[in-house]
C-alpha atoms as a PDB file:
ATOM      1  CA  MET A   1      -5.363  17.842 -17.453  1.00  0.00           C
ATOM      2  CA  THR A   2      -4.510  15.230 -14.712  1.00  0.00           C
ATOM      3  CA  ALA A   3      -6.202  11.775 -14.131  1.00  0.00           C
ATOM      4  CA  THR A   4      -7.255  12.573 -10.078  1.00  0.00           C
ATOM      5  CA  ALA A   5      -8.096   8.863  -7.689  1.00  0.00           C
ATOM      6  CA  ILE A   6     -11.487   8.278  -7.362  1.00  0.00           C
ATOM      7  CA  GLU A   7     -12.387   6.892  -3.690  1.00  0.00           C
ATOM      8  CA  THR A   8     -15.217   5.186  -2.787  1.00  0.00           C
ATOM      9  CA  THR A   9     -15.747   4.441   1.179  1.00  0.00           C
ATOM     10  CA  LEU A  10     -17.843   1.030   1.977  1.00  0.00           C
ATOM     11  CA  HIS A  11     -17.743  -0.148   5.155  1.00  0.00           C
ATOM     12  CA  THR A  12     -19.343  -3.782   3.069  1.00  0.00           C
ATOM     13  CA  PRO A  13     -18.900  -7.706   4.645  1.00  0.00           C
ATOM     14  CA  VAL A  14     -16.030  -9.537   2.547  1.00  0.00           C
ATOM     15  CA  ASP A  15     -14.456 -12.685   2.133  1.00  0.00           C
ATOM     16  CA  VAL A  16     -10.642 -12.411   2.024  1.00  0.00           C
ATOM     17  CA  ARG A  17      -8.075 -15.616   0.760  1.00  0.00           C
ATOM     18  CA  PHE A  18      -4.735 -15.733   2.587  1.00  0.00           C
ATOM     19  CA  VAL A  19      -2.171 -17.766   1.255  1.00  0.00           C
ATOM     20  CA  SER A  20       1.124 -18.347   3.293  1.00  0.00           C
ATOM     21  CA  GLY A  21      -0.703 -15.119   5.838  1.00  0.00           C
ATOM     22  CA  ARG A  22      -0.955 -12.436   3.135  1.00  0.00           C
ATOM     23  CA  PRO A  23      -4.071 -11.545   0.658  1.00  0.00           C
ATOM     24  CA  LEU A  24      -4.839 -13.327  -2.639  1.00  0.00           C
ATOM     25  CA  ALA A  25      -7.673 -12.284  -3.539  1.00  0.00           C
ATOM     26  CA  VAL A  26     -11.123 -11.052  -2.125  1.00  0.00           C
ATOM     27  CA  ARG A  27     -14.554 -11.773  -2.844  1.00  0.00           C
ATOM     28  CA  TYR A  28     -16.465  -8.270  -3.089  1.00  0.00           C
ATOM     29  CA  ASP A  29     -19.517  -7.672  -5.203  1.00  0.00           C
ATOM     30  CA  GLY A  30     -20.350 -11.624  -6.178  1.00  0.00           C
ATOM     31  CA  ARG A  31     -16.912 -11.552  -7.882  1.00  0.00           C
ATOM     32  CA  ILE A  32     -13.519 -12.926  -7.144  1.00  0.00           C
ATOM     33  CA  TRP A  33     -10.550  -9.912  -7.223  1.00  0.00           C
ATOM     34  CA  VAL A  34      -7.003 -11.253  -7.076  1.00  0.00           C
ATOM     35  CA  VAL A  35      -4.467  -9.339  -5.395  1.00  0.00           C
ATOM     36  CA  THR A  36      -1.521  -8.217  -7.368  1.00  0.00           C
ATOM     37  CA  GLY A  37       1.767  -6.671  -6.115  1.00  0.00           C
ATOM     38  CA  ASP A  38       2.813  -6.420  -2.535  1.00  0.00           C
ATOM     39  CA  PRO A  39      -0.097  -6.181  -0.163  1.00  0.00           C
ATOM     40  CA  VAL A  40       1.020  -3.525   2.610  1.00  0.00           C
ATOM     41  CA  ARG A  41      -0.636  -5.118   5.934  1.00  0.00           C
ATOM     42  CA  ARG A  42      -0.491  -2.174   8.552  1.00  0.00           C
ATOM     43  CA  LEU A  43      -2.266  -1.950  12.596  1.00  0.00           C
ATOM     44  CA  ALA A  44      -4.724   0.820  13.346  1.00  0.00           C
ATOM     45  CA  GLY A  45      -2.257   2.555  15.032  1.00  0.00           C
ATOM     46  CA  ASP A  46      -0.457   3.375  12.075  1.00  0.00           C
ATOM     47  CA  LEU A  47      -2.573   4.423  10.298  1.00  0.00           C
ATOM     48  CA  ARG A  48      -2.742   8.004  10.782  1.00  0.00           C
ATOM     49  CA  GLU A  49      -3.853   9.410   7.206  1.00  0.00           C
ATOM     50  CA  ILE A  50      -7.118   7.364   7.666  1.00  0.00           C
ATOM     51  CA  GLN A  51      -9.857  10.024   9.426  1.00  0.00           C
ATOM     52  CA  ARG A  52     -12.471   8.224  10.861  1.00  0.00           C
ATOM     53  CA  THR A  53     -11.766   6.702  13.808  1.00  0.00           C
ATOM     54  CA  VAL A  54     -10.668   2.508  13.811  1.00  0.00           C
ATOM     55  CA  GLN A  55     -10.254  -0.203  16.106  1.00  0.00           C
ATOM     56  CA  PRO A  56      -7.251  -0.264  18.300  1.00  0.00           C
ATOM     57  CA  GLY A  57      -4.431  -2.784  16.747  1.00  0.00           C
ATOM     58  CA  ALA A  58      -6.602  -3.820  14.324  1.00  0.00           C
ATOM     59  CA  GLU A  59      -5.316  -5.716  11.416  1.00  0.00           C
ATOM     60  CA  HIS A  60      -5.884  -3.591   8.491  1.00  0.00           C
ATOM     61  CA  TRP A  61      -4.467  -4.508   4.843  1.00  0.00           C
ATOM     62  CA  ARG A  62      -4.482  -2.164   0.961  1.00  0.00           C
ATOM     63  CA  VAL A  63      -3.936  -4.134  -1.789  1.00  0.00           C
ATOM     64  CA  GLN A  64      -4.722  -3.625  -5.404  1.00  0.00           C
ATOM     65  CA  VAL A  65      -6.461  -6.129  -7.162  1.00  0.00           C
ATOM     66  CA  LEU A  66      -7.765  -7.184 -10.215  1.00  0.00           C
ATOM     67  CA  LEU A  67     -11.240  -8.211 -11.344  1.00  0.00           C
ATOM     68  CA  SER A  68      -9.414  -9.684 -14.576  1.00  0.00           C
ATOM     69  CA  SER A  69      -6.053  -9.457 -16.888  1.00  0.00           C
ATOM     70  CA  ALA A  70      -7.591  -6.721 -18.937  1.00  0.00           C
ATOM     71  CA  SER A  71      -9.572  -4.639 -16.144  1.00  0.00           C
ATOM     72  CA  ALA A  72      -8.604  -1.798 -14.829  1.00  0.00           C
ATOM     73  CA  LEU A  73      -6.251  -1.872 -11.745  1.00  0.00           C
ATOM     74  CA  ARG A  74      -7.659  -0.790  -8.196  1.00  0.00           C
ATOM     75  CA  THR A  75      -6.584  -0.773  -5.129  1.00  0.00           C
ATOM     76  CA  PHE A  76      -8.568  -2.359  -1.469  1.00  0.00           C
ATOM     77  CA  ASP A  77      -8.284  -0.907   1.846  1.00  0.00           C
ATOM     78  CA  LEU A  78     -10.053  -3.965   4.104  1.00  0.00           C
ATOM     79  CA  ARG A  79      -9.926  -3.745   8.041  1.00  0.00           C
ATOM     80  CA  HIS A  80     -10.613  -6.776   9.989  1.00  0.00           C
ATOM     81  CA  ASP A  81     -13.144  -6.522  12.071  1.00  0.00           C
ATOM     82  CA  PRO A  82     -13.255  -7.769  16.269  1.00  0.00           C
ATOM     83  CA  ALA A  83     -15.962 -10.418  15.079  1.00  0.00           C
ATOM     84  CA  GLY A  84     -13.398 -11.894  12.551  1.00  0.00           C
ATOM     85  CA  GLN A  85     -15.909 -10.850   9.492  1.00  0.00           C
ATOM     86  CA  TRP A  86     -13.444  -8.851   7.462  1.00  0.00           C
ATOM     87  CA  LEU A  87     -14.612  -5.761   5.793  1.00  0.00           C
ATOM     88  CA  LEU A  88     -13.971  -3.343   2.282  1.00  0.00           C
ATOM     89  CA  GLU A  89     -13.428   0.083   3.904  1.00  0.00           C
ATOM     90  CA  SER A  90     -12.732   1.913   0.834  1.00  0.00           C
ATOM     91  CA  ILE A  91     -11.524   1.263  -3.065  1.00  0.00           C
ATOM     92  CA  THR A  92      -9.722   3.647  -4.855  1.00  0.00           C
ATOM     93  CA  ASP A  93      -9.938   4.072  -9.030  1.00  0.00           C
END
């Protein structure tokens, strides 16, 4: 039996803290999720694997996050909308 990733699609507003132009932490569901590893920045034109319609030229980040040192690693897909709000597009466990 193999483990499969579970993805949840959201489109939920979140707060993202940046340091030197890179995401450091994400506030989601009243909690602070710390970004680990190297976040990946993409523009909408580079997101061929995403099936939904996206804003051309929109900024997207894929980040791996931890809630605590004992929590499971999760992947957040973030999008910056034209109104200036960051949205959590999906979570992959």
